[in-house]
Amino acid sequence: MSLLNYFRQEKKPAASVAKERLQIIVAHERSRFRSTGPDYLPDLERDILAVIRKYVEIDSDAVTVQLDQKADDLSVLELNVTLPDEK
């Protein structure tokens, strides 16, 4: 009986299907932006590394910059710097 119901299903309106597909595309684009971050992050990380190197000798992998979206209107820029031990 359920097999016959499968073939008898009513088709969804085209607008509803288009809306669902658009929501999937928007969600995918948002997640792609959040995972890669804005275009200026590599430049920002390089500039911060250059400023820190004026005062302390550190490796290039000692600085990490990450941008997190906490809400639609709130972004948090996280900066982690691993400084060498003093001698």
PDB file of N, CA and C in Angstrom:
ATOM      1  N   MET A   1       0.814  -1.194   0.000  1.00  0.00           N
ATOM      2  CA  MET A   1       0.000   0.000   0.000  1.00  0.00           C
ATOM      3  C   MET A   1       0.859   1.261   0.000  1.00  0.00           C
ATOM      4  N   SER A   2       1.933   1.272   0.774  1.00  0.00           N
ATOM      5  CA  SER A   2       2.769   2.467   0.835  1.00  0.00           C
ATOM      6  C   SER A   2       3.492   2.718  -0.490  1.00  0.00           C
ATOM      7  N   LEU A   3       3.739   1.657  -1.235  1.00  0.00           N
ATOM      8  CA  LEU A   3       4.378   1.827  -2.540  1.00  0.00           C
ATOM      9  C   LEU A   3       3.450   2.563  -3.497  1.00  0.00           C
ATOM     10  N   LEU A   4       2.185   2.284  -3.436  1.00  0.00           N
ATOM     11  CA  LEU A   4       1.227   2.982  -4.281  1.00  0.00           C
ATOM     12  C   LEU A   4       1.093   4.448  -3.869  1.00  0.00           C
ATOM     13  N   ASN A   5       1.181   4.727  -2.558  1.00  0.00           N
ATOM     14  CA  ASN A   5       1.108   6.112  -2.080  1.00  0.00           C
ATOM     15  C   ASN A   5       2.305   6.927  -2.561  1.00  0.00           C
ATOM     16  N   TYR A   6       3.428   6.270  -2.729  1.00  0.00           N
ATOM     17  CA  TYR A   6       4.621   6.964  -3.227  1.00  0.00           C
ATOM     18  C   TYR A   6       4.376   7.527  -4.629  1.00  0.00           C
ATOM     19  N   PHE A   7       3.735   6.743  -5.468  1.00  0.00           N
ATOM     20  CA  PHE A   7       3.487   7.180  -6.831  1.00  0.00           C
ATOM     21  C   PHE A   7       2.321   8.171  -6.921  1.00  0.00           C
ATOM     22  N   ARG A   8       1.490   8.223  -5.900  1.00  0.00           N
ATOM     23  CA  ARG A   8       0.347   9.111  -5.903  1.00  0.00           C
ATOM     24  C   ARG A   8       0.613  10.445  -5.208  1.00  0.00           C
ATOM     25  N   GLN A   9       1.832  10.667  -4.770  1.00  0.00           N
ATOM     26  CA  GLN A   9       2.134  11.907  -4.060  1.00  0.00           C
ATOM     27  C   GLN A   9       1.877  13.107  -4.947  1.00  0.00           C
ATOM     28  N   GLU A  10       1.396  14.145  -4.296  1.00  0.00           N
ATOM     29  CA  GLU A  10       1.168  15.383  -5.030  1.00  0.00           C
ATOM     30  C   GLU A  10       2.492  16.116  -5.195  1.00  0.00           C
ATOM     31  N   LYS A  11       2.639  16.755  -6.294  1.00  0.00           N
ATOM     32  CA  LYS A  11       3.849  17.522  -6.573  1.00  0.00           C
ATOM     33  C   LYS A  11       3.823  18.817  -5.775  1.00  0.00           C
ATOM     34  N   LYS A  12       4.998  19.230  -5.272  1.00  0.00           N
ATOM     35  CA  LYS A  12       5.099  20.502  -4.561  1.00  0.00           C
ATOM     36  C   LYS A  12       5.056  21.631  -5.578  1.00  0.00           C
ATOM     37  N   PRO A  13       4.530  22.767  -5.165  1.00  0.00           N
ATOM     38  CA  PRO A  13       4.543  23.919  -6.072  1.00  0.00           C
ATOM     39  C   PRO A  13       5.987  24.330  -6.398  1.00  0.00           C
ATOM     40  N   ALA A  14       6.190  24.822  -7.597  1.00  0.00           N
ATOM     41  CA  ALA A  14       7.532  25.190  -8.049  1.00  0.00           C
ATOM     42  C   ALA A  14       8.147  26.268  -7.168  1.00  0.00           C
ATOM     43  N   ALA A  15       7.331  27.182  -6.658  1.00  0.00           N
ATOM     44  CA  ALA A  15       7.849  28.247  -5.798  1.00  0.00           C
ATOM     45  C   ALA A  15       8.395  27.678  -4.501  1.00  0.00           C
ATOM     46  N   SER A  16       7.740  26.674  -3.948  1.00  0.00           N
ATOM     47  CA  SER A  16       8.188  26.050  -2.710  1.00  0.00           C
ATOM     48  C   SER A  16       9.522  25.334  -2.918  1.00  0.00           C
ATOM     49  N   VAL A  17       9.639  24.623  -4.016  1.00  0.00           N
ATOM     50  CA  VAL A  17      10.881  23.919  -4.335  1.00  0.00           C
ATOM     51  C   VAL A  17      12.012  24.922  -4.557  1.00  0.00           C
ATOM     52  N   ALA A  18      11.731  26.000  -5.264  1.00  0.00           N
ATOM     53  CA  ALA A  18      12.743  27.023  -5.518  1.00  0.00           C
ATOM     54  C   ALA A  18      13.197  27.683  -4.216  1.00  0.00           C
ATOM     55  N   LYS A  19      12.258  27.921  -3.312  1.00  0.00           N
ATOM     56  CA  LYS A  19      12.591  28.534  -2.028  1.00  0.00           C
ATOM     57  C   LYS A  19      13.500  27.614  -1.219  1.00  0.00           C
ATOM     58  N   GLU A  20      13.201  26.328  -1.175  1.00  0.00           N
ATOM     59  CA  GLU A  20      14.030  25.371  -0.449  1.00  0.00           C
ATOM     60  C   GLU A  20      15.428  25.310  -1.037  1.00  0.00           C
ATOM     61  N   ARG A  21      15.531  25.293  -2.352  1.00  0.00           N
ATOM     62  CA  ARG A  21      16.842  25.244  -3.006  1.00  0.00           C
ATOM     63  C   ARG A  21      17.643  26.512  -2.735  1.00  0.00           C
ATOM     64  N   LEU A  22      16.983  27.650  -2.750  1.00  0.00           N
ATOM     65  CA  LEU A  22      17.662  28.910  -2.464  1.00  0.00           C
ATOM     66  C   LEU A  22      18.163  28.942  -1.022  1.00  0.00           C
ATOM     67  N   GLN A  23      17.376  28.426  -0.083  1.00  0.00           N
ATOM     68  CA  GLN A  23      17.812  28.374   1.308  1.00  0.00           C
ATOM     69  C   GLN A  23      19.048  27.496   1.460  1.00  0.00           C
ATOM     70  N   ILE A  24      19.115  26.402   0.738  1.00  0.00           N
ATOM     71  CA  ILE A  24      20.281  25.522   0.790  1.00  0.00           C
ATOM     72  C   ILE A  24      21.502  26.235   0.230  1.00  0.00           C
ATOM     73  N   ILE A  25      21.336  26.947  -0.873  1.00  0.00           N
ATOM     74  CA  ILE A  25      22.455  27.667  -1.484  1.00  0.00           C
ATOM     75  C   ILE A  25      22.964  28.767  -0.559  1.00  0.00           C
ATOM     76  N   VAL A  26      22.062  29.522   0.047  1.00  0.00           N
ATOM     77  CA  VAL A  26      22.462  30.601   0.960  1.00  0.00           C
ATOM     78  C   VAL A  26      23.190  30.027   2.167  1.00  0.00           C
ATOM     79  N   ALA A  27      22.687  28.936   2.733  1.00  0.00           N
ATOM     80  CA  ALA A  27      23.345  28.310   3.884  1.00  0.00           C
ATOM     81  C   ALA A  27      24.739  27.815   3.505  1.00  0.00           C
ATOM     82  N   HIS A  28      24.881  27.268   2.318  1.00  0.00           N
ATOM     83  CA  HIS A  28      26.185  26.793   1.854  1.00  0.00           C
ATOM     84  C   HIS A  28      27.165  27.951   1.689  1.00  0.00           C
ATOM     85  N   GLU A  29      26.718  29.041   1.102  1.00  0.00           N
ATOM     86  CA  GLU A  29      27.586  30.207   0.916  1.00  0.00           C
ATOM     87  C   GLU A  29      28.005  30.815   2.252  1.00  0.00           C
ATOM     88  N   ARG A  30      27.084  30.880   3.199  1.00  0.00           N
ATOM     89  CA  ARG A  30      27.421  31.403   4.527  1.00  0.00           C
ATOM     90  C   ARG A  30      28.457  30.530   5.208  1.00  0.00           C
ATOM     91  N   SER A  31      28.297  29.223   5.123  1.00  0.00           N
ATOM     92  CA  SER A  31      29.266  28.334   5.771  1.00  0.00           C
ATOM     93  C   SER A  31      30.622  28.413   5.074  1.00  0.00           C
ATOM     94  N   ARG A  32      30.629  28.598   3.769  1.00  0.00           N
ATOM     95  CA  ARG A  32      31.898  28.735   3.046  1.00  0.00           C
ATOM     96  C   ARG A  32      32.605  30.008   3.460  1.00  0.00           C
ATOM     97  N   PHE A  33      31.869  31.110   3.629  1.00  0.00           N
ATOM     98  CA  PHE A  33      32.460  32.372   4.051  1.00  0.00           C
ATOM     99  C   PHE A  33      33.022  32.255   5.458  1.00  0.00           C
ATOM    100  N   ARG A  34      32.292  31.599   6.341  1.00  0.00           N
ATOM    101  CA  ARG A  34      32.743  31.458   7.728  1.00  0.00           C
ATOM    102  C   ARG A  34      33.972  30.588   7.820  1.00  0.00           C
ATOM    103  N   SER A  35      34.097  29.560   7.008  1.00  0.00           N
ATOM    104  CA  SER A  35      35.242  28.681   7.096  1.00  0.00           C
ATOM    105  C   SER A  35      36.493  29.282   6.494  1.00  0.00           C
ATOM    106  N   THR A  36      36.351  30.052   5.456  1.00  0.00           N
ATOM    107  CA  THR A  36      37.535  30.645   4.836  1.00  0.00           C
ATOM    108  C   THR A  36      37.852  32.005   5.415  1.00  0.00           C
ATOM    109  N   GLY A  37      36.874  32.742   5.829  1.00  0.00           N
ATOM    110  CA  GLY A  37      37.085  34.068   6.392  1.00  0.00           C
ATOM    111  C   GLY A  37      37.173  35.117   5.303  1.00  0.00           C
ATOM    112  N   PRO A  38      37.190  36.369   5.712  1.00  0.00           N
ATOM    113  CA  PRO A  38      37.284  37.459   4.747  1.00  0.00           C
ATOM    114  C   PRO A  38      38.649  37.484   4.053  1.00  0.00           C
ATOM    115  N   ASP A  39      38.727  38.210   2.956  1.00  0.00           N
ATOM    116  CA  ASP A  39      39.949  38.265   2.164  1.00  0.00           C
ATOM    117  C   ASP A  39      41.097  38.964   2.880  1.00  0.00           C
ATOM    118  N   TYR A  40      40.792  39.831   3.825  1.00  0.00           N
ATOM    119  CA  TYR A  40      41.851  40.611   4.461  1.00  0.00           C
ATOM    120  C   TYR A  40      42.572  39.875   5.597  1.00  0.00           C
ATOM    121  N   LEU A  41      42.104  38.715   6.022  1.00  0.00           N
ATOM    122  CA  LEU A  41      42.725  38.027   7.157  1.00  0.00           C
ATOM    123  C   LEU A  41      44.190  37.644   6.919  1.00  0.00           C
ATOM    124  N   PRO A  42      44.592  37.117   5.776  1.00  0.00           N
ATOM    125  CA  PRO A  42      46.015  36.819   5.580  1.00  0.00           C
ATOM    126  C   PRO A  42      46.888  38.075   5.652  1.00  0.00           C
ATOM    127  N   ASP A  43      46.414  39.179   5.090  1.00  0.00           N
ATOM    128  CA  ASP A  43      47.174  40.428   5.158  1.00  0.00           C
ATOM    129  C   ASP A  43      47.272  40.930   6.595  1.00  0.00           C
ATOM    130  N   LEU A  44      46.188  40.822   7.330  1.00  0.00           N
ATOM    131  CA  LEU A  44      46.172  41.245   8.727  1.00  0.00           C
ATOM    132  C   LEU A  44      47.159  40.418   9.544  1.00  0.00           C
ATOM    133  N   GLU A  45      47.159  39.116   9.324  1.00  0.00           N
ATOM    134  CA  GLU A  45      48.085  38.233  10.043  1.00  0.00           C
ATOM    135  C   GLU A  45      49.535  38.575   9.709  1.00  0.00           C
ATOM    136  N   ARG A  46      49.824  38.846   8.458  1.00  0.00           N
ATOM    137  CA  ARG A  46      51.183  39.207   8.040  1.00  0.00           C
ATOM    138  C   ARG A  46      51.615  40.536   8.662  1.00  0.00           C
ATOM    139  N   ASP A  47      50.712  41.517   8.702  1.00  0.00           N
ATOM    140  CA  ASP A  47      51.029  42.813   9.301  1.00  0.00           C
ATOM    141  C   ASP A  47      51.274  42.704  10.799  1.00  0.00           C
ATOM    142  N   ILE A  48      50.457  41.922  11.482  1.00  0.00           N
ATOM    143  CA  ILE A  48      50.638  41.737  12.919  1.00  0.00           C
ATOM    144  C   ILE A  48      51.956  41.041  13.199  1.00  0.00           C
ATOM    145  N   LEU A  49      52.287  40.049  12.407  1.00  0.00           N
ATOM    146  CA  LEU A  49      53.562  39.350  12.559  1.00  0.00           C
ATOM    147  C   LEU A  49      54.743  40.305  12.362  1.00  0.00           C
ATOM    148  N   ALA A  50      54.644  41.200  11.393  1.00  0.00           N
ATOM    149  CA  ALA A  50      55.717  42.170  11.150  1.00  0.00           C
ATOM    150  C   ALA A  50      55.888  43.126  12.324  1.00  0.00           C
ATOM    151  N   VAL A  51      54.796  43.569  12.908  1.00  0.00           N
ATOM    152  CA  VAL A  51      54.879  44.476  14.061  1.00  0.00           C
ATOM    153  C   VAL A  51      55.489  43.766  15.259  1.00  0.00           C
ATOM    154  N   ILE A  52      55.077  42.539  15.516  1.00  0.00           N
ATOM    155  CA  ILE A  52      55.620  41.799  16.658  1.00  0.00           C
ATOM    156  C   ILE A  52      57.106  41.528  16.460  1.00  0.00           C
ATOM    157  N   ARG A  53      57.522  41.258  15.230  1.00  0.00           N
ATOM    158  CA  ARG A  53      58.935  40.984  14.952  1.00  0.00           C
ATOM    159  C   ARG A  53      59.831  42.205  15.174  1.00  0.00           C
ATOM    160  N   LYS A  54      59.259  43.391  15.225  1.00  0.00           N
ATOM    161  CA  LYS A  54      60.063  44.572  15.544  1.00  0.00           C
ATOM    162  C   LYS A  54      60.611  44.481  16.962  1.00  0.00           C
ATOM    163  N   TYR A  55      59.893  43.786  17.834  1.00  0.00           N
ATOM    164  CA  TYR A  55      60.249  43.730  19.246  1.00  0.00           C
ATOM    165  C   TYR A  55      60.741  42.365  19.712  1.00  0.00           C
ATOM    166  N   VAL A  56      60.226  41.293  19.102  1.00  0.00           N
ATOM    167  CA  VAL A  56      60.557  39.932  19.525  1.00  0.00           C
ATOM    168  C   VAL A  56      60.743  39.068  18.287  1.00  0.00           C
ATOM    169  N   GLU A  57      61.735  38.207  18.299  1.00  0.00           N
ATOM    170  CA  GLU A  57      61.946  37.289  17.181  1.00  0.00           C
ATOM    171  C   GLU A  57      61.037  36.072  17.373  1.00  0.00           C
ATOM    172  N   ILE A  58      60.080  35.907  16.463  1.00  0.00           N
ATOM    173  CA  ILE A  58      59.152  34.776  16.524  1.00  0.00           C
ATOM    174  C   ILE A  58      59.030  34.134  15.156  1.00  0.00           C
ATOM    175  N   ASP A  59      58.564  32.892  15.147  1.00  0.00           N
ATOM    176  CA  ASP A  59      58.330  32.168  13.897  1.00  0.00           C
ATOM    177  C   ASP A  59      57.047  32.657  13.247  1.00  0.00           C
ATOM    178  N   SER A  60      56.924  32.419  11.964  1.00  0.00           N
ATOM    179  CA  SER A  60      55.725  32.871  11.255  1.00  0.00           C
ATOM    180  C   SER A  60      54.485  32.076  11.652  1.00  0.00           C
ATOM    181  N   ASP A  61      54.666  30.860  12.177  1.00  0.00           N
ATOM    182  CA  ASP A  61      53.504  30.083  12.608  1.00  0.00           C
ATOM    183  C   ASP A  61      53.119  30.371  14.056  1.00  0.00           C
ATOM    184  N   ALA A  62      53.753  31.377  14.677  1.00  0.00           N
ATOM    185  CA  ALA A  62      53.465  31.727  16.069  1.00  0.00           C
ATOM    186  C   ALA A  62      52.256  32.646  16.193  1.00  0.00           C
ATOM    187  N   VAL A  63      51.757  33.161  15.075  1.00  0.00           N
ATOM    188  CA  VAL A  63      50.602  34.061  15.099  1.00  0.00           C
ATOM    189  C   VAL A  63      49.468  33.417  14.302  1.00  0.00           C
ATOM    190  N   THR A  64      48.310  33.326  14.934  1.00  0.00           N
ATOM    191  CA  THR A  64      47.120  32.864  14.217  1.00  0.00           C
ATOM    192  C   THR A  64      46.004  33.881  14.402  1.00  0.00           C
ATOM    193  N   VAL A  65      45.311  34.155  13.324  1.00  0.00           N
ATOM    194  CA  VAL A  65      44.196  35.094  13.338  1.00  0.00           C
ATOM    195  C   VAL A  65      42.975  34.338  12.849  1.00  0.00           C
ATOM    196  N   GLN A  66      41.883  34.457  13.599  1.00  0.00           N
ATOM    197  CA  GLN A  66      40.653  33.755  13.240  1.00  0.00           C
ATOM    198  C   GLN A  66      39.461  34.664  13.485  1.00  0.00           C
ATOM    199  N   LEU A  67      38.533  34.655  12.568  1.00  0.00           N
ATOM    200  CA  LEU A  67      37.319  35.442  12.685  1.00  0.00           C
ATOM    201  C   LEU A  67      36.148  34.495  12.891  1.00  0.00           C
ATOM    202  N   ASP A  68      35.426  34.658  14.009  1.00  0.00           N
ATOM    203  CA  ASP A  68      34.276  33.815  14.323  1.00  0.00           C
ATOM    204  C   ASP A  68      33.009  34.635  14.268  1.00  0.00           C
ATOM    205  N   GLN A  69      31.973  34.061  13.672  1.00  0.00           N
ATOM    206  CA  GLN A  69      30.646  34.676  13.649  1.00  0.00           C
ATOM    207  C   GLN A  69      29.875  34.116  14.826  1.00  0.00           C
ATOM    208  N   LYS A  70      29.588  34.939  15.823  1.00  0.00           N
ATOM    209  CA  LYS A  70      28.823  34.495  16.983  1.00  0.00           C
ATOM    210  C   LYS A  70      27.331  34.650  16.738  1.00  0.00           C
ATOM    211  N   ALA A  71      26.954  35.653  16.019  1.00  0.00           N
ATOM    212  CA  ALA A  71      25.549  35.904  15.679  1.00  0.00           C
ATOM    213  C   ALA A  71      25.552  36.652  14.354  1.00  0.00           C
ATOM    214  N   ASP A  72      24.377  36.973  13.860  1.00  0.00           N
ATOM    215  CA  ASP A  72      24.299  37.678  12.580  1.00  0.00           C
ATOM    216  C   ASP A  72      24.982  39.036  12.622  1.00  0.00           C
ATOM    217  N   ASP A  73      24.936  39.694  13.769  1.00  0.00           N
ATOM    218  CA  ASP A  73      25.496  41.039  13.866  1.00  0.00           C
ATOM    219  C   ASP A  73      26.727  41.108  14.758  1.00  0.00           C
ATOM    220  N   LEU A  74      27.337  39.949  15.120  1.00  0.00           N
ATOM    221  CA  LEU A  74      28.482  39.939  16.019  1.00  0.00           C
ATOM    222  C   LEU A  74      29.586  39.069  15.451  1.00  0.00           C
ATOM    223  N   SER A  75      30.748  39.674  15.235  1.00  0.00           N
ATOM    224  CA  SER A  75      31.935  38.951  14.787  1.00  0.00           C
ATOM    225  C   SER A  75      33.013  39.116  15.842  1.00  0.00           C
ATOM    226  N   VAL A  76      33.771  38.053  16.079  1.00  0.00           N
ATOM    227  CA  VAL A  76      34.846  38.087  17.062  1.00  0.00           C
ATOM    228  C   VAL A  76      36.150  37.767  16.350  1.00  0.00           C
ATOM    229  N   LEU A  77      37.104  38.682  16.464  1.00  0.00           N
ATOM    230  CA  LEU A  77      38.424  38.479  15.892  1.00  0.00           C
ATOM    231  C   LEU A  77      39.322  37.930  16.994  1.00  0.00           C
ATOM    232  N   GLU A  78      39.820  36.717  16.798  1.00  0.00           N
ATOM    233  CA  GLU A  78      40.663  36.054  17.790  1.00  0.00           C
ATOM    234  C   GLU A  78      42.097  36.057  17.295  1.00  0.00           C
ATOM    235  N   LEU A  79      42.994  36.534  18.133  1.00  0.00           N
ATOM    236  CA  LEU A  79      44.411  36.627  17.797  1.00  0.00           C
ATOM    237  C   LEU A  79      45.193  35.848  18.830  1.00  0.00           C
ATOM    238  N   ASN A  80      45.946  34.844  18.401  1.00  0.00           N
ATOM    239  CA  ASN A  80      46.783  34.053  19.292  1.00  0.00           C
ATOM    240  C   ASN A  80      48.240  34.243  18.881  1.00  0.00           C
ATOM    241  N   VAL A  81      49.055  34.652  19.849  1.00  0.00           N
ATOM    242  CA  VAL A  81      50.479  34.864  19.614  1.00  0.00           C
ATOM    243  C   VAL A  81      51.243  34.020  20.622  1.00  0.00           C
ATOM    244  N   THR A  82      52.116  33.161  20.134  1.00  0.00           N
ATOM    245  CA  THR A  82      52.969  32.357  21.004  1.00  0.00           C
ATOM    246  C   THR A  82      54.322  33.042  21.069  1.00  0.00           C
ATOM    247  N   LEU A  83      54.600  33.620  22.215  1.00  0.00           N
ATOM    248  CA  LEU A  83      55.868  34.335  22.407  1.00  0.00           C
ATOM    249  C   LEU A  83      56.919  33.375  22.930  1.00  0.00           C
ATOM    250  N   PRO A  84      58.186  33.566  22.534  1.00  0.00           N
ATOM    251  CA  PRO A  84      59.249  32.681  23.024  1.00  0.00           C
ATOM    252  C   PRO A  84      59.552  32.946  24.495  1.00  0.00           C
ATOM    253  N   ASP A  85      60.109  31.947  25.159  1.00  0.00           N
ATOM    254  CA  ASP A  85      60.515  32.123  26.552  1.00  0.00           C
ATOM    255  C   ASP A  85      61.692  33.087  26.616  1.00  0.00           C
ATOM    256  N   GLU A  86      61.699  33.899  27.680  1.00  0.00           N
ATOM    257  CA  GLU A  86      62.819  34.826  27.865  1.00  0.00           C
ATOM    258  C   GLU A  86      64.029  34.051  28.364  1.00  0.00           C
ATOM    259  N   LYS A  87      65.197  34.493  27.942  1.00  0.00           N
ATOM    260  CA  LYS A  87      66.446  33.822  28.347  1.00  0.00           C
ATOM    261  C   LYS A  87      67.163  34.635  29.372  1.00  0.00           C
TER     262      LYS A  87
END
